[in-house]
Amino acid sequence: MINKPDFGAAVADSETTDAHAVGKLAVAPEDGERAILYGILASGLEQAADRGWLAAVAALPRLDGEIGAPLAELSRISATVDPEALRREYHDLFIGVGRGELVPYASYYLTGFLNEKPLALLRQDMRRLGIERDPDIHEPEDHIAAVCAMMAGLIDGSFGEGGEDEASAFFRAHLAVWAPYFFKDLAASTTGELYPALGRLGQAFLAVEVEADRLFAERRKTG
């Protein structure tokens, strides 16, 4: 995967592939919020949430619209949950003995197997965009956390200046085709409270993103 996003600080090091970087470029406020939300999903799913992540999520400002309720639920749970319990829950959900309850990779959701064509296509786009994986991470790059982190970097400019067209193409190719199903499955899990709540946030956010991308594509056609 790529380097872990730091959504709490909302700052990126331009010399790394740290994906969450609100403020790298002058981005619209709504795009800053989008990058933050992708950063929350990325850093919350890369590994078991620690005390720093929980404190940052608990302190996030409230949002309106479809994202408001699931974000408020996640913030509320983050303020009280036991990090030790989260480590067990993360293991049961994503690691397990042999495999976890969920397999959070694009290849698996799209083909039923790991390390398949979706991963190869993602790596092609990563090379084209100049995105490099963290050499200390040995997970395939099509893990949901890594793809969300890349999306955050495309929105805020950490990964070049391709703008909306590049971010939209990446979203359609590498997130819209499978991530809504992953978040639906995570939301339906009965393992703990926090990760299903993170799934509901992902569900709501991706639904908004899918509709916004559809409208963007329509404007491009008629513009």
C-alpha atoms as a PDB file:
ATOM      1  CA  MET A   1       0.000   0.000   0.000  1.00  0.00           C
ATOM      2  CA  ILE A   2       0.994   3.627  -0.109  1.00  0.00           C
ATOM      3  CA  ASN A   3       2.013   5.587   2.945  1.00  0.00           C
ATOM      4  CA  LYS A   4      -0.585   6.054   5.651  1.00  0.00           C
ATOM      5  CA  PRO A   5      -2.719   9.204   5.291  1.00  0.00           C
ATOM      6  CA  ASP A   6      -2.635  11.766   8.086  1.00  0.00           C
ATOM      7  CA  PHE A   7      -6.151  13.153   7.897  1.00  0.00           C
ATOM      8  CA  GLY A   8      -5.992  14.684  11.364  1.00  0.00           C
ATOM      9  CA  ALA A   9      -3.247  17.121  10.467  1.00  0.00           C
ATOM     10  CA  ALA A  10      -4.502  17.498   6.890  1.00  0.00           C
ATOM     11  CA  VAL A  11      -0.939  18.139   5.746  1.00  0.00           C
ATOM     12  CA  ALA A  12       1.241  16.174   3.325  1.00  0.00           C
ATOM     13  CA  ASP A  13       4.932  15.857   2.693  1.00  0.00           C
ATOM     14  CA  SER A  14       5.412  16.585  -0.999  1.00  0.00           C
ATOM     15  CA  GLU A  15       8.455  14.316  -1.117  1.00  0.00           C
ATOM     16  CA  THR A  16       6.476  11.199  -0.100  1.00  0.00           C
ATOM     17  CA  THR A  17       3.430   9.354  -1.350  1.00  0.00           C
ATOM     18  CA  ASP A  18       1.437  10.269   1.780  1.00  0.00           C
ATOM     19  CA  ALA A  19      -1.964  10.462   0.188  1.00  0.00           C
ATOM     20  CA  HIS A  20      -3.974  12.801   2.321  1.00  0.00           C
ATOM     21  CA  ALA A  21      -2.972  16.382   1.845  1.00  0.00           C
ATOM     22  CA  VAL A  22      -5.657  19.012   2.113  1.00  0.00           C
ATOM     23  CA  GLY A  23      -3.851  22.257   1.472  1.00  0.00           C
ATOM     24  CA  LYS A  24      -1.265  20.966  -1.012  1.00  0.00           C
ATOM     25  CA  LEU A  25      -3.083  22.907  -3.706  1.00  0.00           C
ATOM     26  CA  ALA A  26      -5.799  25.518  -3.472  1.00  0.00           C
ATOM     27  CA  VAL A  27      -8.784  23.170  -3.478  1.00  0.00           C
ATOM     28  CA  ALA A  28     -12.432  24.066  -3.076  1.00  0.00           C
ATOM     29  CA  PRO A  29     -13.816  23.533   0.447  1.00  0.00           C
ATOM     30  CA  GLU A  30     -16.029  20.688  -0.702  1.00  0.00           C
ATOM     31  CA  ASP A  31     -13.025  18.938  -2.248  1.00  0.00           C
ATOM     32  CA  GLY A  32     -11.103  19.420   0.977  1.00  0.00           C
ATOM     33  CA  GLU A  33     -13.934  17.654   2.796  1.00  0.00           C
ATOM     34  CA  ARG A  34     -13.893  14.857   0.224  1.00  0.00           C
ATOM     35  CA  ALA A  35     -10.166  14.343   0.702  1.00  0.00           C
ATOM     36  CA  ILE A  36     -10.632  14.247   4.469  1.00  0.00           C
ATOM     37  CA  LEU A  37     -13.389  11.649   4.169  1.00  0.00           C
ATOM     38  CA  TYR A  38     -11.289   9.472   1.891  1.00  0.00           C
ATOM     39  CA  GLY A  39      -8.451   9.871   4.393  1.00  0.00           C
ATOM     40  CA  ILE A  40     -10.683   8.736   7.242  1.00  0.00           C
ATOM     41  CA  LEU A  41     -11.687   5.628   5.319  1.00  0.00           C
ATOM     42  CA  ALA A  42      -8.107   4.916   4.259  1.00  0.00           C
ATOM     43  CA  SER A  43      -6.446   5.303   7.646  1.00  0.00           C
ATOM     44  CA  GLY A  44      -9.315   3.582   9.453  1.00  0.00           C
ATOM     45  CA  LEU A  45      -9.088   0.495   7.257  1.00  0.00           C
ATOM     46  CA  GLU A  46      -5.337   0.206   6.770  1.00  0.00           C
ATOM     47  CA  GLN A  47      -4.863  -1.180  10.267  1.00  0.00           C
ATOM     48  CA  ALA A  48      -6.682  -1.387  13.569  1.00  0.00           C
ATOM     49  CA  ALA A  49      -7.695   2.106  14.653  1.00  0.00           C
ATOM     50  CA  ASP A  50      -5.417   3.442  17.397  1.00  0.00           C
ATOM     51  CA  ARG A  51      -6.017   6.102  20.059  1.00  0.00           C
ATOM     52  CA  GLY A  52      -4.789   8.899  17.812  1.00  0.00           C
ATOM     53  CA  TRP A  53      -7.194   7.969  15.009  1.00  0.00           C
ATOM     54  CA  LEU A  54     -10.073   7.610  17.438  1.00  0.00           C
ATOM     55  CA  ALA A  55      -9.381  10.995  19.060  1.00  0.00           C
ATOM     56  CA  ALA A  56      -9.159  12.708  15.675  1.00  0.00           C
ATOM     57  CA  VAL A  57     -12.417  11.177  14.438  1.00  0.00           C
ATOM     58  CA  ALA A  58     -14.204  11.962  17.705  1.00  0.00           C
ATOM     59  CA  ALA A  59     -13.206  15.629  17.298  1.00  0.00           C
ATOM     60  CA  LEU A  60     -14.249  16.010  13.651  1.00  0.00           C
ATOM     61  CA  PRO A  61     -16.771  18.777  12.914  1.00  0.00           C
ATOM     62  CA  ARG A  62     -20.242  17.725  11.917  1.00  0.00           C
ATOM     63  CA  LEU A  63     -21.347  17.731   8.304  1.00  0.00           C
ATOM     64  CA  ASP A  64     -24.763  18.228   6.771  1.00  0.00           C
ATOM     65  CA  GLY A  65     -26.504  16.128   4.157  1.00  0.00           C
ATOM     66  CA  GLU A  66     -26.275  12.396   3.594  1.00  0.00           C
ATOM     67  CA  ILE A  67     -22.842  12.195   5.236  1.00  0.00           C
ATOM     68  CA  GLY A  68     -23.844  13.920   8.464  1.00  0.00           C
ATOM     69  CA  ALA A  69     -25.583  11.085  10.305  1.00  0.00           C
ATOM     70  CA  PRO A  70     -23.055   8.287   9.621  1.00  0.00           C
ATOM     71  CA  LEU A  71     -20.141  10.610  10.387  1.00  0.00           C
ATOM     72  CA  ALA A  72     -21.762  11.648  13.681  1.00  0.00           C
ATOM     73  CA  GLU A  73     -22.319   7.974  14.550  1.00  0.00           C
ATOM     74  CA  LEU A  74     -18.680   7.145  13.824  1.00  0.00           C
ATOM     75  CA  SER A  75     -17.500  10.111  15.904  1.00  0.00           C
ATOM     76  CA  ARG A  76     -19.686   9.066  18.837  1.00  0.00           C
ATOM     77  CA  ILE A  77     -18.400   5.493  18.806  1.00  0.00           C
ATOM     78  CA  SER A  78     -14.791   6.657  18.414  1.00  0.00           C
ATOM     79  CA  ALA A  79     -15.062   8.651  21.636  1.00  0.00           C
ATOM     80  CA  THR A  80     -15.842   5.590  23.763  1.00  0.00           C
ATOM     81  CA  VAL A  81     -14.561   2.443  22.055  1.00  0.00           C
ATOM     82  CA  ASP A  82     -11.729   0.351  23.521  1.00  0.00           C
ATOM     83  CA  PRO A  83      -8.670   0.235  21.184  1.00  0.00           C
ATOM     84  CA  GLU A  84      -7.792  -3.270  22.398  1.00  0.00           C
ATOM     85  CA  ALA A  85     -11.225  -4.508  21.332  1.00  0.00           C
ATOM     86  CA  LEU A  86     -10.700  -2.846  17.956  1.00  0.00           C
ATOM     87  CA  ARG A  87      -7.517  -4.815  17.389  1.00  0.00           C
ATOM     88  CA  ARG A  88      -9.423  -8.069  17.869  1.00  0.00           C
ATOM     89  CA  GLU A  89     -12.285  -6.870  15.682  1.00  0.00           C
ATOM     90  CA  TYR A  90      -9.937  -5.765  12.897  1.00  0.00           C
ATOM     91  CA  HIS A  91      -8.230  -9.153  13.001  1.00  0.00           C
ATOM     92  CA  ASP A  92     -11.538 -11.012  12.814  1.00  0.00           C
ATOM     93  CA  LEU A  93     -12.841  -8.826  10.000  1.00  0.00           C
ATOM     94  CA  PHE A  94      -9.840  -8.577   7.704  1.00  0.00           C
ATOM     95  CA  ILE A  95      -7.181 -11.120   8.716  1.00  0.00           C
ATOM     96  CA  GLY A  96      -8.669 -14.090  10.561  1.00  0.00           C
ATOM     97  CA  VAL A  97      -7.270 -17.594  10.564  1.00  0.00           C
ATOM     98  CA  GLY A  98      -6.764 -18.267   6.880  1.00  0.00           C
ATOM     99  CA  ARG A  99      -8.895 -15.258   5.928  1.00  0.00           C
ATOM    100  CA  GLY A 100     -11.115 -12.742   7.639  1.00  0.00           C
ATOM    101  CA  GLU A 101     -14.828 -12.129   7.417  1.00  0.00           C
ATOM    102  CA  LEU A 102     -14.199  -9.689   4.544  1.00  0.00           C
ATOM    103  CA  VAL A 103     -11.496  -9.606   1.866  1.00  0.00           C
ATOM    104  CA  PRO A 104     -10.937  -5.883   1.213  1.00  0.00           C
ATOM    105  CA  TYR A 105      -9.353  -6.058  -2.244  1.00  0.00           C
ATOM    106  CA  ALA A 106     -10.651  -4.954  -5.627  1.00  0.00           C
ATOM    107  CA  SER A 107      -9.422  -8.161  -7.295  1.00  0.00           C
ATOM    108  CA  TYR A 108     -11.376 -10.324  -4.882  1.00  0.00           C
ATOM    109  CA  TYR A 109     -14.596  -8.341  -5.207  1.00  0.00           C
ATOM    110  CA  LEU A 110     -14.398  -8.207  -8.997  1.00  0.00           C
ATOM    111  CA  THR A 111     -13.049 -11.682  -9.812  1.00  0.00           C
ATOM    112  CA  GLY A 112     -13.280 -13.802  -6.666  1.00  0.00           C
ATOM    113  CA  PHE A 113      -9.489 -14.137  -6.492  1.00  0.00           C
ATOM    114  CA  LEU A 114      -6.563 -12.044  -5.270  1.00  0.00           C
ATOM    115  CA  ASN A 115      -3.866 -10.503  -7.483  1.00  0.00           C
ATOM    116  CA  GLU A 116      -5.960 -10.541 -10.628  1.00  0.00           C
ATOM    117  CA  LYS A 117      -6.490  -8.095 -13.518  1.00  0.00           C
ATOM    118  CA  PRO A 118      -7.957  -5.263 -11.365  1.00  0.00           C
ATOM    119  CA  LEU A 119      -4.644  -5.101  -9.495  1.00  0.00           C
ATOM    120  CA  ALA A 120      -2.656  -5.053 -12.740  1.00  0.00           C
ATOM    121  CA  LEU A 121      -4.799  -2.212 -14.102  1.00  0.00           C
ATOM    122  CA  LEU A 122      -4.409  -0.260 -10.870  1.00  0.00           C
ATOM    123  CA  ARG A 123      -0.632  -0.665 -11.011  1.00  0.00           C
ATOM    124  CA  GLN A 124      -0.636   0.635 -14.579  1.00  0.00           C
ATOM    125  CA  ASP A 125      -2.429   3.790 -13.468  1.00  0.00           C
ATOM    126  CA  MET A 126      -0.163   4.152 -10.454  1.00  0.00           C
ATOM    127  CA  ARG A 127       2.898   4.095 -12.716  1.00  0.00           C
ATOM    128  CA  ARG A 128       1.320   6.626 -15.049  1.00  0.00           C
ATOM    129  CA  LEU A 129       0.447   8.931 -12.146  1.00  0.00           C
ATOM    130  CA  GLY A 130       3.793   8.492 -10.391  1.00  0.00           C
ATOM    131  CA  ILE A 131       2.275   6.876  -7.297  1.00  0.00           C
ATOM    132  CA  GLU A 132       4.620   4.498  -5.491  1.00  0.00           C
ATOM    133  CA  ARG A 133       3.759   1.948  -2.841  1.00  0.00           C
ATOM    134  CA  ASP A 134       5.372   2.076   0.578  1.00  0.00           C
ATOM    135  CA  PRO A 135       8.274  -0.426   0.344  1.00  0.00           C
ATOM    136  CA  ASP A 136       7.601  -1.525   3.938  1.00  0.00           C
ATOM    137  CA  ILE A 137       4.056  -2.636   3.087  1.00  0.00           C
ATOM    138  CA  HIS A 138       3.601  -5.972   1.362  1.00  0.00           C
ATOM    139  CA  GLU A 139      -0.176  -5.923   0.884  1.00  0.00           C
ATOM    140  CA  PRO A 140      -1.382  -5.693  -2.745  1.00  0.00           C
ATOM    141  CA  GLU A 141      -2.136  -2.125  -3.774  1.00  0.00           C
ATOM    142  CA  ASP A 142      -5.822  -2.800  -4.521  1.00  0.00           C
ATOM    143  CA  HIS A 143      -6.616  -2.918  -0.780  1.00  0.00           C
ATOM    144  CA  ILE A 144      -9.524  -0.584  -0.041  1.00  0.00           C
ATOM    145  CA  ALA A 145      -7.379   1.571   2.256  1.00  0.00           C
ATOM    146  CA  ALA A 146      -4.726   2.143  -0.398  1.00  0.00           C
ATOM    147  CA  VAL A 147      -7.225   2.966  -3.140  1.00  0.00           C
ATOM    148  CA  CYS A 148      -9.050   5.458  -0.890  1.00  0.00           C
ATOM    149  CA  ALA A 149      -5.714   7.051  -0.005  1.00  0.00           C
ATOM    150  CA  MET A 150      -4.838   7.404  -3.686  1.00  0.00           C
ATOM    151  CA  MET A 151      -8.212   8.998  -4.351  1.00  0.00           C
ATOM    152  CA  ALA A 152      -7.591  11.538  -1.591  1.00  0.00           C
ATOM    153  CA  GLY A 153      -4.239  12.411  -3.150  1.00  0.00           C
ATOM    154  CA  LEU A 154      -5.774  12.897  -6.595  1.00  0.00           C
ATOM    155  CA  ILE A 155      -8.430  15.212  -5.183  1.00  0.00           C
ATOM    156  CA  ASP A 156      -6.087  17.448  -3.209  1.00  0.00           C
ATOM    157  CA  GLY A 157      -3.209  17.474  -5.683  1.00  0.00           C
ATOM    158  CA  SER A 158      -0.697  15.307  -3.815  1.00  0.00           C
ATOM    159  CA  PHE A 159      -0.498  13.070  -6.880  1.00  0.00           C
ATOM    160  CA  GLY A 160      -0.084  15.622  -9.636  1.00  0.00           C
ATOM    161  CA  GLU A 161      -2.337  18.225 -11.111  1.00  0.00           C
ATOM    162  CA  GLY A 162      -4.625  16.130 -13.291  1.00  0.00           C
ATOM    163  CA  GLY A 163      -7.636  17.812 -11.746  1.00  0.00           C
ATOM    164  CA  GLU A 164     -11.203  16.607 -11.854  1.00  0.00           C
ATOM    165  CA  ASP A 165     -10.797  14.616 -15.061  1.00  0.00           C
ATOM    166  CA  GLU A 166      -8.010  12.461 -13.627  1.00  0.00           C
ATOM    167  CA  ALA A 167      -9.755  11.966 -10.290  1.00  0.00           C
ATOM    168  CA  SER A 168     -13.019  11.068 -12.026  1.00  0.00           C
ATOM    169  CA  ALA A 169     -11.354   8.512 -14.291  1.00  0.00           C
ATOM    170  CA  PHE A 170      -9.546   6.923 -11.351  1.00  0.00           C
ATOM    171  CA  PHE A 171     -12.743   6.806  -9.303  1.00  0.00           C
ATOM    172  CA  ARG A 172     -14.712   5.090 -12.061  1.00  0.00           C
ATOM    173  CA  ALA A 173     -11.957   2.573 -12.801  1.00  0.00           C
ATOM    174  CA  HIS A 174     -10.805   1.656  -9.312  1.00  0.00           C
ATOM    175  CA  LEU A 175     -13.470   2.523  -6.729  1.00  0.00           C
ATOM    176  CA  ALA A 176     -16.980   2.872  -8.157  1.00  0.00           C
ATOM    177  CA  VAL A 177     -16.917  -0.639  -9.628  1.00  0.00           C
ATOM    178  CA  TRP A 178     -16.478  -2.429  -6.297  1.00  0.00           C
ATOM    179  CA  ALA A 179     -16.049  -0.235  -3.200  1.00  0.00           C
ATOM    180  CA  PRO A 180     -19.802   0.371  -2.684  1.00  0.00           C
ATOM    181  CA  TYR A 181     -20.260  -3.404  -2.337  1.00  0.00           C
ATOM    182  CA  PHE A 182     -17.385  -3.682   0.109  1.00  0.00           C
ATOM    183  CA  PHE A 183     -18.779  -0.890   2.292  1.00  0.00           C
ATOM    184  CA  LYS A 184     -22.245  -2.457   2.156  1.00  0.00           C
ATOM    185  CA  ASP A 185     -20.769  -5.723   3.435  1.00  0.00           C
ATOM    186  CA  LEU A 186     -18.792  -3.929   6.134  1.00  0.00           C
ATOM    187  CA  ALA A 187     -21.892  -2.006   7.234  1.00  0.00           C
ATOM    188  CA  ALA A 188     -23.793  -5.281   7.564  1.00  0.00           C
ATOM    189  CA  SER A 189     -21.132  -6.912   9.753  1.00  0.00           C
ATOM    190  CA  THR A 190     -22.009  -7.713  13.352  1.00  0.00           C
ATOM    191  CA  THR A 191     -18.354  -7.547  14.475  1.00  0.00           C
ATOM    192  CA  GLY A 192     -18.209  -4.718  16.988  1.00  0.00           C
ATOM    193  CA  GLU A 193     -19.618  -1.229  16.463  1.00  0.00           C
ATOM    194  CA  LEU A 194     -16.898   0.928  14.969  1.00  0.00           C
ATOM    195  CA  TYR A 195     -16.144  -0.932  11.752  1.00  0.00           C
ATOM    196  CA  PRO A 196     -19.789  -1.364  10.747  1.00  0.00           C
ATOM    197  CA  ALA A 197     -20.197   2.380  11.425  1.00  0.00           C
ATOM    198  CA  LEU A 198     -17.175   3.045   9.209  1.00  0.00           C
ATOM    199  CA  GLY A 199     -18.891   0.893   6.586  1.00  0.00           C
ATOM    200  CA  ARG A 200     -22.052   2.999   6.807  1.00  0.00           C
ATOM    201  CA  LEU A 201     -19.989   6.157   6.378  1.00  0.00           C
ATOM    202  CA  GLY A 202     -18.287   4.607   3.356  1.00  0.00           C
ATOM    203  CA  GLN A 203     -21.645   3.539   1.926  1.00  0.00           C
ATOM    204  CA  ALA A 204     -23.146   7.002   2.254  1.00  0.00           C
ATOM    205  CA  PHE A 205     -20.050   8.786   0.994  1.00  0.00           C
ATOM    206  CA  LEU A 206     -19.567   6.525  -2.031  1.00  0.00           C
ATOM    207  CA  ALA A 207     -23.243   6.936  -2.959  1.00  0.00           C
ATOM    208  CA  VAL A 208     -22.727  10.711  -3.002  1.00  0.00           C
ATOM    209  CA  GLU A 209     -19.497  10.301  -4.970  1.00  0.00           C
ATOM    210  CA  VAL A 210     -21.132   8.052  -7.575  1.00  0.00           C
ATOM    211  CA  GLU A 211     -23.925  10.555  -8.169  1.00  0.00           C
ATOM    212  CA  ALA A 212     -21.533  13.504  -8.254  1.00  0.00           C
ATOM    213  CA  ASP A 213     -19.340  11.694 -10.777  1.00  0.00           C
ATOM    214  CA  ARG A 214     -22.368  10.934 -12.942  1.00  0.00           C
ATOM    215  CA  LEU A 215     -23.314  14.614 -12.975  1.00  0.00           C
ATOM    216  CA  PHE A 216     -19.711  15.584 -13.712  1.00  0.00           C
ATOM    217  CA  ALA A 217     -19.631  13.201 -16.693  1.00  0.00           C
ATOM    218  CA  GLU A 218     -22.889  14.661 -18.012  1.00  0.00           C
ATOM    219  CA  ARG A 219     -21.523  18.188 -17.767  1.00  0.00           C
ATOM    220  CA  ARG A 220     -18.403  17.148 -19.643  1.00  0.00           C
ATOM    221  CA  LYS A 221     -20.510  15.700 -22.442  1.00  0.00           C
ATOM    222  CA  THR A 222     -22.697  18.780 -22.804  1.00  0.00           C
ATOM    223  CA  GLY A 223     -20.026  21.382 -22.029  1.00  0.00           C
END
